[in-house]
């Protein structure tokens, strides 16, 4: 096939494709137009005319009539012109679809869709307007029936149960009358079809009616509270107050009388607020009233409980006081007895007298409280703290009494213990003296003898002190401690003295083994002088030890250790 043939075949294919596209587009356009026409017919078949006729029979007025007429005019225009215009526009789209200007056909089809949609919206507007009109007409007519019945019931309640509304009845009837006048206007507007104006009336009318119903629900309880409950409580409080006063109760700063007077004033003020229907203020004032009443009840309860506590505590403290007073007498007797044998250094007698004064003051306090109760001049709640102070005072007195008693009772034991210690001291001195005598020493150093004599003299004085007709216990304990310490020191000094004397003999014996050493001979001579003439055994050990240690290092320490071991054995 030649090249020209191929070109011809190609042109034929292209032309065929174009025709096919145009054919398909025409068919699609025809179908879409058909669907739009069906939708348009559906809108046209809506039975709107019957609803408009029904609306015209409502005898509408005012803005409601204007709204209805606007919707009616819109529907008449749709029926008169819009449907025909859309039909003509659809025919034009079908005609243009037969040509080859596809772009123009699509543009016309889009415009047709917009026009059909607009007609649908307009129909919907009319439909919704009529629906709203029918609905508000039904609502208002129902509201007229409901309100008429509600006002009849409210009026009946006010007439048949006027006693439960107290001083608010006149105000409630005035409000109900005003609402009934507004209701007549609302009913007339509804009947005349002026639903826009009726809606404005109904909005405020419904709110005010609800407020009236709420008030009528609340007021009976408030009236009962102010006219029955609180007055009954006032009577009960007054009766209780009178009874408690007869029984001897007294209240601080005339609190109850003033509070009862204030409650009555507040109740009258609240009743006046109730008459003016200021219910929020009434509720607030009622809260305050109940708080004031509860405070009085609480005061009564507190005072009664305080009276029970005070009466019981008075009896307990009286018994406690008697016990401590007897104990103070016993202490005084004990001091008198012990005073014959002991000298006191802690002013025990004055301490007991001071405790007696404290007990007397507590006794006066308790007598004063009892007298005040008998004369009906005391506030029981103010006495509890005072009684606690008195009780604490008695506790302190008892604590001091116990301390004094313990200190006094132990005096004979302290002296007996001291006597036993002194006997042991005397025996220790004998033992020390015998040890020194058994050693057979030529003598003892002056410092040792002076210390021995000093301890002996102190021990003799201590013996006299512990056996005196009247013993100063504090000084006795102090002297026992001093003598005991000195005796321990004397024991140590004696041990050292005897150990050095014995060690001197051992060193002299050892020195005899080294007679060939002149320095040892000289040391022996010097040591014998210290031993026999000056009784300085420690110096003798030092002289001999130095000489021997130069010949045989460590000799002195070895012999000293052996001597110490032998002494322990």
Protein backbone atom coordinates (compact mmCIF):
# COMPACT_ATOMS: atom_id res chain seq x y z
CA UNK A 1 0.00 0.00 0.00
CA UNK A 2 1.22 3.41 -0.95
CA UNK A 3 1.85 6.22 1.49
CA UNK A 4 -1.21 8.07 0.23
CA UNK A 5 -3.35 5.10 1.05
CA UNK A 6 -2.11 5.08 4.61
CA UNK A 7 -2.93 8.74 5.00
CA UNK A 8 -6.45 8.26 3.69
CA UNK A 9 -7.08 5.37 6.05
CA UNK A 10 -5.77 7.46 8.95
CA UNK A 11 -8.10 10.34 8.12
CA UNK A 12 -11.04 7.97 7.95
CA UNK A 13 -10.22 6.59 11.43
CA UNK A 14 -9.91 10.08 12.92
CA UNK A 15 -13.19 11.22 11.43
CA UNK A 16 -14.89 8.07 12.66
CA UNK A 17 -13.53 8.70 16.19
CA UNK A 18 -14.79 12.29 16.17
CA UNK A 19 -18.25 11.22 15.06
CA UNK A 20 -18.27 8.55 17.73
CA UNK A 21 -17.32 11.08 20.44
CA UNK A 22 -19.98 13.52 19.29
CA UNK A 23 -22.60 10.79 19.25
CA UNK A 24 -21.73 9.65 22.78
CA UNK A 25 -21.75 13.24 24.05
CA UNK A 26 -25.17 13.89 22.50
CA UNK A 27 -26.58 10.75 24.13
CA UNK A 28 -25.16 11.68 27.54
CA UNK A 29 -26.48 15.23 27.26
CA UNK A 30 -29.93 13.96 26.30
CA UNK A 31 -29.98 11.67 29.33
CA UNK A 32 -28.89 14.43 31.75
CA UNK A 33 -31.52 16.81 30.39
CA UNK A 34 -34.15 14.08 30.78
CA UNK A 35 -33.14 13.62 34.45
CA UNK A 36 -33.35 17.36 35.08
CA UNK A 37 -36.81 17.47 33.49
CA UNK A 38 -37.96 14.63 35.74
CA UNK A 39 -36.66 16.56 38.79
CA UNK A 40 -38.39 19.69 37.57
CA UNK A 41 -41.69 17.81 37.14
CA UNK A 42 -41.32 16.40 40.64
CA UNK A 43 -40.96 19.91 42.02
CA UNK A 44 -43.97 21.05 39.98
CA UNK A 45 -46.08 18.18 41.32
CA UNK A 46 -45.57 19.21 44.98
CA UNK A 47 -49.09 20.08 46.31
CA UNK A 48 -48.07 23.53 47.47
CA UNK A 49 -51.24 25.24 46.25
CA UNK A 50 -53.42 23.52 48.84
CA UNK A 51 -51.14 24.69 51.65
CA UNK A 52 -51.21 28.24 50.33
CA UNK A 53 -55.00 28.17 50.28
CA UNK A 54 -54.97 26.91 53.86
CA UNK A 55 -52.57 29.68 54.84
CA UNK A 56 -54.82 32.35 53.29
CA UNK A 57 -57.67 31.05 55.44
CA UNK A 58 -55.68 31.73 58.64
CA UNK A 59 -56.55 35.43 58.64
CA UNK A 60 -52.93 36.36 59.03
CA UNK A 61 -51.80 39.82 60.18
CA UNK A 62 -48.72 41.95 60.54
CA UNK A 63 -45.28 40.56 59.84
CA UNK A 64 -46.67 37.03 59.66
CA UNK A 65 -48.93 38.09 56.79
CA UNK A 66 -46.03 39.83 55.06
CA UNK A 67 -43.88 36.68 55.32
CA UNK A 68 -46.70 34.52 53.95
CA UNK A 69 -47.38 36.85 51.04
CA UNK A 70 -43.70 36.92 50.17
CA UNK A 71 -43.60 33.11 50.02
CA UNK A 72 -46.88 33.01 48.03
CA UNK A 73 -45.55 35.53 45.50
CA UNK A 74 -42.35 33.51 45.15
CA UNK A 75 -44.34 30.32 44.44
CA UNK A 76 -46.65 32.07 41.95
CA UNK A 77 -43.65 33.35 40.06
CA UNK A 78 -42.13 29.87 39.93
CA UNK A 79 -45.36 28.40 38.60
CA UNK A 80 -45.97 31.27 36.17
CA UNK A 81 -42.54 31.74 34.63
CA UNK A 82 -39.73 29.67 36.13
CA UNK A 83 -41.00 26.25 35.06
CA UNK A 84 -41.59 27.44 31.48
CA UNK A 85 -38.24 29.20 31.33
CA UNK A 86 -36.44 26.05 32.51
CA UNK A 87 -38.37 23.99 29.89
CA UNK A 88 -37.31 26.34 27.13
CA UNK A 89 -33.73 26.29 28.37
CA UNK A 90 -33.80 22.46 28.29
CA UNK A 91 -35.03 22.46 24.70
CA UNK A 92 -32.20 24.78 23.77
CA UNK A 93 -29.66 22.42 25.34
CA UNK A 94 -31.08 19.49 23.35
CA UNK A 95 -30.95 21.53 20.16
CA UNK A 96 -27.34 22.62 20.69
CA UNK A 97 -26.42 19.01 21.46
CA UNK A 98 -27.29 18.09 17.87
CA UNK A 99 -24.51 20.33 16.59
CA UNK A 100 -20.78 20.03 16.81
CA UNK A 101 -20.13 22.81 19.37
CA UNK A 102 -19.55 20.53 22.33
CA UNK A 103 -18.12 23.30 24.53
CA UNK A 104 -21.26 25.44 24.10
CA UNK A 105 -23.48 22.43 24.78
CA UNK A 106 -21.64 21.71 28.08
CA UNK A 107 -21.94 25.38 29.08
CA UNK A 108 -25.68 25.36 28.40
CA UNK A 109 -26.08 22.11 30.35
CA UNK A 110 -24.31 23.61 33.40
CA UNK A 111 -26.57 26.66 33.28
CA UNK A 112 -29.60 24.39 33.08
CA UNK A 113 -28.48 22.51 36.19
CA UNK A 114 -28.00 25.79 38.08
CA UNK A 115 -31.46 26.96 37.07
CA UNK A 116 -33.13 23.69 38.14
CA UNK A 117 -31.21 23.84 41.47
CA UNK A 118 -32.35 27.42 42.03
CA UNK A 119 -36.00 26.42 41.39
CA UNK A 120 -35.57 23.58 43.89
CA UNK A 121 -34.18 26.00 46.48
CA UNK A 122 -37.03 28.44 45.91
CA UNK A 123 -39.60 25.64 46.24
CA UNK A 124 -37.84 24.55 49.43
CA UNK A 125 -37.95 28.12 50.76
CA UNK A 126 -41.69 28.31 50.18
CA UNK A 127 -42.19 24.86 51.63
CA UNK A 128 -40.16 25.68 54.75
CA UNK A 129 -41.94 29.00 55.20
CA UNK A 130 -45.34 27.31 55.08
CA UNK A 131 -44.11 24.58 57.43
CA UNK A 132 -42.86 27.19 59.90
CA UNK A 133 -46.16 29.03 59.65
CA UNK A 134 -48.19 25.89 60.26
CA UNK A 135 -45.94 24.89 63.12
CA UNK A 136 -45.97 28.25 64.90
CA UNK A 137 -49.71 28.48 64.38
CA UNK A 138 -50.14 25.07 66.01
CA UNK A 139 -47.71 25.92 68.80
CA UNK A 140 -49.37 29.23 69.60
CA UNK A 141 -52.83 27.70 69.61
CA UNK A 142 -51.58 24.93 71.89
CA UNK A 143 -49.84 27.53 74.06
CA UNK A 144 -53.12 29.43 74.36
CA UNK A 145 -54.82 26.29 75.62
CA UNK A 146 -51.97 25.38 77.95
CA UNK A 147 -51.62 28.85 79.42
CA UNK A 148 -55.35 29.26 79.84
CA UNK A 149 -55.49 26.01 81.83
CA UNK A 150 -52.32 26.90 83.77
CA UNK A 151 -53.68 30.33 84.83
CA UNK A 152 -56.96 28.76 85.90
CA UNK A 153 -55.04 26.30 88.08
CA UNK A 154 -52.79 28.99 89.51
CA UNK A 155 -55.80 31.16 90.32
CA UNK A 156 -57.54 28.19 91.90
CA UNK A 157 -54.45 27.44 94.02
CA UNK A 158 -54.23 31.04 95.23
CA UNK A 159 -57.92 31.06 96.16
CA UNK A 160 -58.20 27.62 97.75
CA UNK A 161 -54.78 27.50 99.51
CA UNK A 162 -54.21 31.16 100.25
CA UNK A 163 -53.04 30.37 103.82
CA UNK A 164 -49.85 28.67 102.62
CA UNK A 165 -48.66 31.83 100.85
CA UNK A 166 -48.78 34.08 103.89
CA UNK A 167 -48.12 37.76 103.30
CA UNK A 168 -47.15 37.15 99.65
CA UNK A 169 -50.74 36.42 98.51
CA UNK A 170 -51.59 39.97 97.37
CA UNK A 171 -48.34 40.29 95.44
CA UNK A 172 -48.83 36.91 93.77
CA UNK A 173 -52.41 37.79 92.74
CA UNK A 174 -51.18 41.07 91.23
CA UNK A 175 -48.54 39.25 89.22
CA UNK A 176 -51.03 36.63 88.09
CA UNK A 177 -53.43 39.39 87.01
CA UNK A 178 -50.73 41.06 84.94
CA UNK A 179 -49.87 37.73 83.32
CA UNK A 180 -53.53 37.12 82.49
CA UNK A 181 -53.70 40.53 80.77
CA UNK A 182 -50.61 39.66 78.72
CA UNK A 183 -52.16 36.29 77.97
CA UNK A 184 -55.29 37.97 76.56
CA UNK A 185 -53.07 39.99 74.21
CA UNK A 186 -51.20 36.85 73.19
CA UNK A 187 -54.45 34.96 72.62
CA UNK A 188 -55.85 37.79 70.46
CA UNK A 189 -52.66 38.00 68.39
CA UNK A 190 -52.69 34.25 67.89
CA UNK A 191 -56.35 34.21 66.91
CA UNK A 192 -55.78 37.05 64.45
CA UNK A 193 -52.81 35.25 62.90
CA UNK A 194 -50.18 37.83 63.94
CA UNK A 195 -47.75 35.13 64.98
CA UNK A 196 -44.61 37.28 64.88
CA UNK A 197 -46.03 39.72 67.43
CA UNK A 198 -47.51 36.79 69.37
CA UNK A 199 -44.09 35.17 69.55
CA UNK A 200 -42.60 38.27 71.12
CA UNK A 201 -45.36 38.31 73.75
CA UNK A 202 -45.13 34.57 74.34
CA UNK A 203 -41.37 34.67 74.95
CA UNK A 204 -41.70 37.01 77.93
CA UNK A 205 -45.04 35.54 79.00
CA UNK A 206 -43.64 32.00 79.25
CA UNK A 207 -40.59 33.18 81.20
CA UNK A 208 -42.65 35.24 83.65
CA UNK A 209 -45.15 32.40 84.08
CA UNK A 210 -42.34 29.98 84.89
CA UNK A 211 -40.99 32.47 87.42
CA UNK A 212 -44.41 32.72 89.04
CA UNK A 213 -44.72 28.93 89.23
CA UNK A 214 -41.24 28.65 90.75
CA UNK A 215 -42.11 31.29 93.32
CA UNK A 216 -45.38 29.59 94.18
CA UNK A 217 -43.45 26.34 94.63
CA UNK A 218 -40.83 27.96 96.89
CA UNK A 219 -42.98 30.30 98.95
CA UNK A 220 -44.99 27.76 101.01
CA UNK A 221 -41.78 26.27 102.41
CA UNK A 222 -40.39 29.73 103.20
CA UNK A 223 -43.69 30.80 104.81
CA UNK A 224 -43.75 27.65 106.93
CA UNK A 225 -40.13 28.18 107.95
CA UNK A 226 -40.69 31.80 108.95
CA UNK A 227 -44.18 31.47 110.41
CA UNK A 228 -44.10 28.03 112.04
CA UNK A 229 -40.71 26.30 112.25
CA UNK A 230 -38.61 29.22 113.47
CA UNK A 231 -41.26 30.53 115.94
CA UNK A 232 -41.52 27.01 117.40
CA UNK A 233 -37.74 26.90 117.75
CA UNK A 234 -37.81 30.34 119.37
CA UNK A 235 -40.35 29.11 121.92
CA UNK A 236 -38.26 26.01 122.58
CA UNK A 237 -35.10 28.07 122.99
CA UNK A 238 -36.81 30.51 125.33
CA UNK A 239 -38.26 27.68 127.44
CA UNK A 240 -34.88 25.96 127.61
CA UNK A 241 -33.19 29.23 128.52
CA UNK A 242 -35.69 29.92 131.33
CA UNK A 243 -35.28 26.37 132.65
CA UNK A 244 -31.47 26.54 132.58
CA UNK A 245 -31.51 29.91 134.34
CA UNK A 246 -33.64 28.39 137.10
CA UNK A 247 -31.15 25.52 137.37
CA UNK A 248 -28.29 27.96 137.97
CA UNK A 249 -26.82 28.40 134.50
CA UNK A 250 -25.37 31.75 133.47
CA UNK A 251 -24.31 32.79 129.97
CA UNK A 252 -21.46 35.03 128.98
CA UNK A 253 -22.37 38.67 128.21
CA UNK A 254 -26.12 37.86 128.17
CA UNK A 255 -25.47 36.12 124.86
CA UNK A 256 -28.67 34.07 124.73
CA UNK A 257 -31.03 36.95 125.52
CA UNK A 258 -29.43 39.17 122.91
CA UNK A 259 -29.35 36.36 120.36
CA UNK A 260 -33.06 35.57 120.84
CA UNK A 261 -33.90 39.24 120.40
CA UNK A 262 -31.78 39.41 117.23
CA UNK A 263 -33.46 36.29 115.82
CA UNK A 264 -36.91 37.87 116.19
CA UNK A 265 -35.74 41.09 114.52
CA UNK A 266 -34.16 39.12 111.66
CA UNK A 267 -37.33 37.02 111.27
CA UNK A 268 -39.48 40.14 110.87
CA UNK A 269 -37.02 41.60 108.37
CA UNK A 270 -37.10 38.35 106.40
CA UNK A 271 -40.91 38.30 106.41
CA UNK A 272 -40.89 41.78 104.90
CA UNK A 273 -38.45 40.62 102.22
CA UNK A 274 -40.75 37.65 101.55
CA UNK A 275 -43.72 39.99 101.14
CA UNK A 276 -41.79 41.82 98.40
CA UNK A 277 -40.94 38.45 96.79
CA UNK A 278 -37.17 39.02 97.01
CA UNK A 279 -36.72 35.30 97.47
CA UNK A 280 -32.94 35.23 97.03
CA UNK A 281 -32.56 37.66 99.91
CA UNK A 282 -35.06 35.61 101.94
CA UNK A 283 -33.00 32.45 101.39
CA UNK A 284 -29.82 34.23 102.51
CA UNK A 285 -31.49 35.66 105.61
CA UNK A 286 -33.00 32.27 106.46
CA UNK A 287 -29.55 30.72 106.31
CA UNK A 288 -28.35 33.35 108.79
CA UNK A 289 -31.39 32.77 111.02
CA UNK A 290 -30.78 29.04 111.20
CA UNK A 291 -27.12 29.63 111.95
CA UNK A 292 -28.08 31.93 114.84
CA UNK A 293 -30.55 29.37 116.17
CA UNK A 294 -28.03 26.54 115.89
CA UNK A 295 -25.48 28.66 117.73
CA UNK A 296 -27.87 29.00 120.69
CA UNK A 297 -28.57 25.27 120.70
CA UNK A 298 -24.82 24.67 120.61
CA UNK A 299 -24.31 27.13 123.48
CA UNK A 300 -26.91 25.31 125.57
CA UNK A 301 -25.26 21.97 124.84
CA UNK A 302 -21.77 23.31 125.60
CA UNK A 303 -22.89 24.83 128.89
CA UNK A 304 -24.72 21.68 129.94
CA UNK A 305 -21.72 19.49 129.15
CA UNK A 306 -19.43 21.98 130.88
CA UNK A 307 -21.67 21.85 133.99
CA UNK A 308 -21.33 18.06 134.12
CA UNK A 309 -17.57 18.29 133.71
CA UNK A 310 -17.28 21.04 136.34
CA UNK A 311 -19.39 19.20 138.93
CA UNK A 312 -17.45 15.99 138.43
CA UNK A 313 -14.09 17.74 138.36
CA UNK A 314 -14.91 19.69 141.53
CA UNK A 315 -15.58 16.45 143.42
CA UNK A 316 -12.42 14.86 142.04
CA UNK A 317 -10.26 17.87 142.91
CA UNK A 318 -11.77 18.05 146.40
CA UNK A 319 -10.79 14.46 147.01
CA UNK A 320 -7.38 15.03 145.41
CA UNK A 321 -6.84 18.13 147.55
CA UNK A 322 -7.72 16.26 150.75
CA UNK A 323 -5.25 13.52 149.85
CA UNK A 324 -2.44 16.03 149.25
CA UNK A 325 -3.23 17.96 152.42
CA UNK A 326 -3.00 14.72 154.43
CA UNK A 327 0.21 13.87 152.62
CA UNK A 328 1.61 17.28 153.51
CA UNK A 329 0.80 16.65 157.17
CA UNK A 330 2.58 13.31 156.96
CA UNK A 331 5.59 15.03 155.44
CA UNK A 332 5.59 17.62 158.21
CA UNK A 333 5.47 14.88 160.85
CA UNK A 334 8.28 13.00 159.11
CA UNK A 335 10.43 16.13 159.07
CA UNK A 336 9.74 16.64 162.77
CA UNK A 337 10.81 13.09 163.52
CA UNK A 338 13.91 13.13 161.31
CA UNK A 339 14.91 16.58 162.57
CA UNK A 340 15.92 14.95 165.86
CA UNK A 341 18.59 12.87 164.17
CA UNK A 342 19.43 14.72 160.95
CA UNK A 343 20.42 18.19 159.85
CA UNK A 344 18.55 19.36 156.70
CA UNK A 345 20.36 21.32 154.02
CA UNK A 346 17.62 21.77 151.36
CA UNK A 347 15.19 23.91 153.30
CA UNK A 348 12.73 21.01 153.50
CA UNK A 349 10.63 22.66 156.21
CA UNK A 350 10.10 25.82 154.11
CA UNK A 351 9.33 23.67 151.06
CA UNK A 352 6.58 21.89 152.98
CA UNK A 353 5.18 25.21 154.21
CA UNK A 354 5.18 26.52 150.61
CA UNK A 355 3.31 23.42 149.45
CA UNK A 356 0.81 23.99 152.22
CA UNK A 357 0.26 27.57 150.98
CA UNK A 358 -0.28 26.31 147.43
CA UNK A 359 -2.83 23.77 148.64
CA UNK A 360 -4.60 26.46 150.62
CA UNK A 361 -4.83 28.65 147.50
CA UNK A 362 -6.32 25.79 145.48
CA UNK A 363 -8.79 25.19 148.31
CA UNK A 364 -9.82 28.85 148.16
CA UNK A 365 -10.26 28.59 144.37
CA UNK A 366 -12.48 25.54 144.71
CA UNK A 367 -14.51 27.18 147.48
CA UNK A 368 -14.92 30.29 145.33
CA UNK A 369 -16.12 28.22 142.37
CA UNK A 370 -18.57 26.29 144.52
CA UNK A 371 -19.90 29.51 146.03
CA UNK A 372 -20.33 31.01 142.53
CA UNK A 373 -22.27 27.92 141.43
CA UNK A 374 -24.52 28.11 144.48
CA UNK A 375 -25.18 31.80 143.84
CA UNK A 376 -25.82 31.10 140.12
CA UNK A 377 -23.12 33.57 139.13
CA UNK A 378 -20.76 31.45 137.04
CA UNK A 379 -20.50 30.47 133.39
CA UNK A 380 -19.65 26.77 133.47
CA UNK A 381 -17.75 26.83 130.17
CA UNK A 382 -15.40 29.43 131.66
CA UNK A 383 -14.65 27.27 134.71
CA UNK A 384 -13.20 24.24 132.93
CA UNK A 385 -9.94 26.01 132.11
CA UNK A 386 -9.62 27.31 135.67
CA UNK A 387 -10.15 23.82 137.07
CA UNK A 388 -7.49 22.49 134.72
CA UNK A 389 -5.07 25.09 136.13
CA UNK A 390 -5.92 23.99 139.67
CA UNK A 391 -5.48 20.33 138.71
CA UNK A 392 -2.08 21.06 137.18
CA UNK A 393 -1.16 22.91 140.38
CA UNK A 394 -2.13 19.89 142.47
CA UNK A 395 -0.14 17.60 140.16
CA UNK A 396 2.95 19.77 140.68
CA UNK A 397 2.42 19.74 144.46
CA UNK A 398 2.13 15.96 144.47
CA UNK A 399 5.28 15.64 142.37
CA UNK A 400 7.19 17.82 144.85
CA UNK A 401 5.74 15.90 147.80
CA UNK A 402 6.86 12.60 146.30
CA UNK A 403 10.33 14.04 145.72
CA UNK A 404 10.54 15.31 149.31
CA UNK A 405 9.20 12.04 150.69
CA UNK A 406 11.72 10.00 148.72
CA UNK A 407 14.59 12.26 149.83
CA UNK A 408 13.55 12.14 153.49
CA UNK A 409 12.78 8.44 153.73
CA UNK A 410 16.18 7.52 152.35
CA UNK A 411 18.15 9.48 155.00
CA UNK A 412 18.44 6.58 157.50
CA UNK A 413 19.58 4.30 154.68
CA UNK A 414 22.18 6.86 153.56
CA UNK A 415 23.53 7.14 157.11
CA UNK A 416 23.53 3.36 157.55
CA UNK A 417 25.42 2.98 154.29
CA UNK A 418 27.90 5.64 155.42
CA UNK A 419 28.39 3.83 158.76
CA UNK A 420 29.14 0.62 156.91
CA UNK A 421 31.65 2.40 154.69
CA UNK A 422 33.33 4.04 157.70
CA UNK A 423 33.71 0.64 159.34
CA UNK A 424 35.32 -0.63 156.15
CA UNK A 425 37.61 2.43 156.10
CA UNK A 426 38.72 1.74 159.69
CA UNK A 427 39.43 -1.87 158.85
CA UNK A 428 41.42 -0.81 155.77
CA UNK A 429 43.55 1.54 157.89
CA UNK A 430 44.30 -1.30 160.32
CA UNK A 431 45.32 -3.54 157.43
CA UNK A 432 47.62 -0.89 155.99
CA UNK A 433 49.25 -0.33 159.37
CA UNK A 434 49.72 -4.06 159.92
CA UNK A 435 51.26 -4.52 156.46
CA UNK A 436 53.82 -1.80 157.11
CA UNK A 437 54.61 -3.17 160.59
CA UNK A 438 54.99 -6.76 159.27
CA UNK A 439 57.54 -5.54 156.71
CA UNK A 440 59.94 -4.67 159.61
CA UNK A 441 61.17 -1.50 157.95
CA UNK A 442 63.60 0.77 159.78
CA UNK A 443 61.16 3.60 159.20
CA UNK A 444 58.93 5.36 156.69
CA UNK A 445 59.35 8.58 154.68
CA UNK A 446 57.99 11.75 156.27
CA UNK A 447 55.63 12.42 153.33
CA UNK A 448 54.08 8.98 153.75
CA UNK A 449 53.72 9.35 157.50
CA UNK A 450 52.12 12.78 157.13
CA UNK A 451 49.64 11.45 154.57
CA UNK A 452 48.89 8.44 156.80
CA UNK A 453 48.26 10.71 159.78
CA UNK A 454 46.09 13.04 157.68
CA UNK A 455 43.90 10.15 156.50
CA UNK A 456 43.71 8.78 160.06
CA UNK A 457 42.63 12.14 161.43
CA UNK A 458 39.94 12.59 158.72
CA UNK A 459 38.70 9.07 159.40
CA UNK A 460 38.42 9.83 163.12
CA UNK A 461 36.38 12.95 162.37
CA UNK A 462 34.21 10.96 160.00
CA UNK A 463 33.59 8.38 162.77
CA UNK A 464 32.51 11.16 165.07
CA UNK A 465 30.30 12.70 162.40
CA UNK A 466 28.54 9.44 161.47
CA UNK A 467 27.87 8.67 165.14
CA UNK A 468 26.77 12.20 166.09
CA UNK A 469 23.26 12.69 167.63
CA UNK A 470 22.23 14.78 164.58
CA UNK A 471 23.85 13.96 161.28
CA UNK A 472 24.38 16.38 158.42
CA UNK A 473 23.68 13.85 155.67
CA UNK A 474 24.91 15.93 152.74
CA UNK A 475 28.20 16.76 154.46
CA UNK A 476 28.51 13.15 155.63
CA UNK A 477 28.21 11.87 152.05
CA UNK A 478 30.74 14.41 150.87
CA UNK A 479 33.24 13.44 153.62
CA UNK A 480 32.74 9.73 152.96
CA UNK A 481 33.62 10.33 149.33
CA UNK A 482 36.74 12.38 150.25
CA UNK A 483 38.01 9.91 152.86
CA UNK A 484 37.33 6.99 150.53
CA UNK A 485 39.35 8.64 147.77
CA UNK A 486 42.25 9.52 150.17
CA UNK A 487 42.21 5.99 151.53
CA UNK A 488 42.55 4.62 147.99
CA UNK A 489 45.52 6.93 147.42
CA UNK A 490 47.06 5.82 150.74
CA UNK A 491 46.67 2.21 149.65
CA UNK A 492 48.54 2.97 146.43
CA UNK A 493 51.29 4.85 148.33
CA UNK A 494 51.64 1.91 150.78
CA UNK A 495 51.93 -0.57 147.93
CA UNK A 496 54.67 1.51 146.31
CA UNK A 497 56.49 1.95 149.65
CA UNK A 498 56.52 -1.77 150.45
CA UNK A 499 57.38 -2.75 146.87
CA UNK A 500 60.41 -0.42 146.78
CA UNK A 501 61.58 -1.61 150.22
CA UNK A 502 61.39 -5.27 149.13
CA UNK A 503 63.01 -4.50 145.78
CA UNK A 504 65.87 -2.72 147.58
CA UNK A 505 66.66 -5.92 149.49
CA UNK A 506 66.58 -7.94 146.28
CA UNK A 507 68.90 -5.51 144.54
CA UNK A 508 71.33 -5.53 147.50
CA UNK A 509 71.48 -9.30 147.29
CA UNK A 510 72.12 -9.08 143.55
CA UNK A 511 74.80 -6.43 144.09
CA UNK A 512 76.80 -8.79 146.32
CA UNK A 513 77.49 -10.82 143.18
CA UNK A 514 79.43 -7.86 141.72
CA UNK A 515 81.68 -6.83 144.62
CA UNK A 516 84.62 -6.66 142.24
CA UNK A 517 83.08 -3.53 140.70
CA UNK A 518 83.93 -0.43 142.74
CA UNK A 519 80.92 1.45 141.45
CA UNK A 520 78.64 -1.32 142.68
CA UNK A 521 80.26 -1.19 146.13
CA UNK A 522 79.76 2.57 146.21
CA UNK A 523 76.15 2.16 145.09
CA UNK A 524 75.53 -0.36 147.88
CA UNK A 525 76.84 2.05 150.47
CA UNK A 526 74.75 4.93 149.14
CA UNK A 527 71.62 2.78 148.96
CA UNK A 528 72.09 1.61 152.56
CA UNK A 529 72.24 5.25 153.69
CA UNK A 530 68.98 6.04 151.82
CA UNK A 531 67.37 2.88 153.21
CA UNK A 532 68.47 3.02 156.85
CA UNK A 533 68.81 6.72 157.53
CA UNK A 534 66.35 8.51 155.21
CA UNK A 535 63.90 5.60 154.60
CA UNK A 536 63.89 6.65 150.95
CA UNK A 537 63.40 3.21 149.47
CA UNK A 538 62.55 4.57 146.05
CA UNK A 539 65.91 6.42 145.93
CA UNK A 540 67.74 3.29 147.12
CA UNK A 541 66.21 1.31 144.25
CA UNK A 542 67.24 4.03 141.82
CA UNK A 543 70.89 4.09 143.03
CA UNK A 544 71.33 0.31 142.98
CA UNK A 545 69.43 -0.12 139.74
CA UNK A 546 71.59 2.33 137.81
CA UNK A 547 74.81 0.57 138.94
CA UNK A 548 73.54 -2.93 138.16
CA UNK A 549 71.97 -1.97 134.82
CA UNK A 550 75.35 -0.62 133.62
CA UNK A 551 76.91 -4.01 134.26
CA UNK A 552 73.91 -6.12 133.25
CA UNK A 553 71.35 -4.06 131.32
CA UNK A 554 67.66 -4.71 132.22
CA UNK A 555 68.46 -6.26 135.58
CA UNK A 556 66.40 -3.82 137.60
CA UNK A 557 63.29 -4.14 135.44
CA UNK A 558 63.50 -7.96 135.50
CA UNK A 559 63.81 -8.08 139.28
CA UNK A 560 61.01 -5.49 139.67
CA UNK A 561 58.69 -7.61 137.54
CA UNK A 562 59.56 -10.76 139.54
CA UNK A 563 58.91 -8.90 142.79
CA UNK A 564 55.53 -7.69 141.51
CA UNK A 565 54.57 -11.23 140.49
CA UNK A 566 55.56 -12.59 143.93
CA UNK A 567 53.46 -9.89 145.64
CA UNK A 568 50.42 -10.89 143.59
CA UNK A 569 50.90 -14.52 144.58
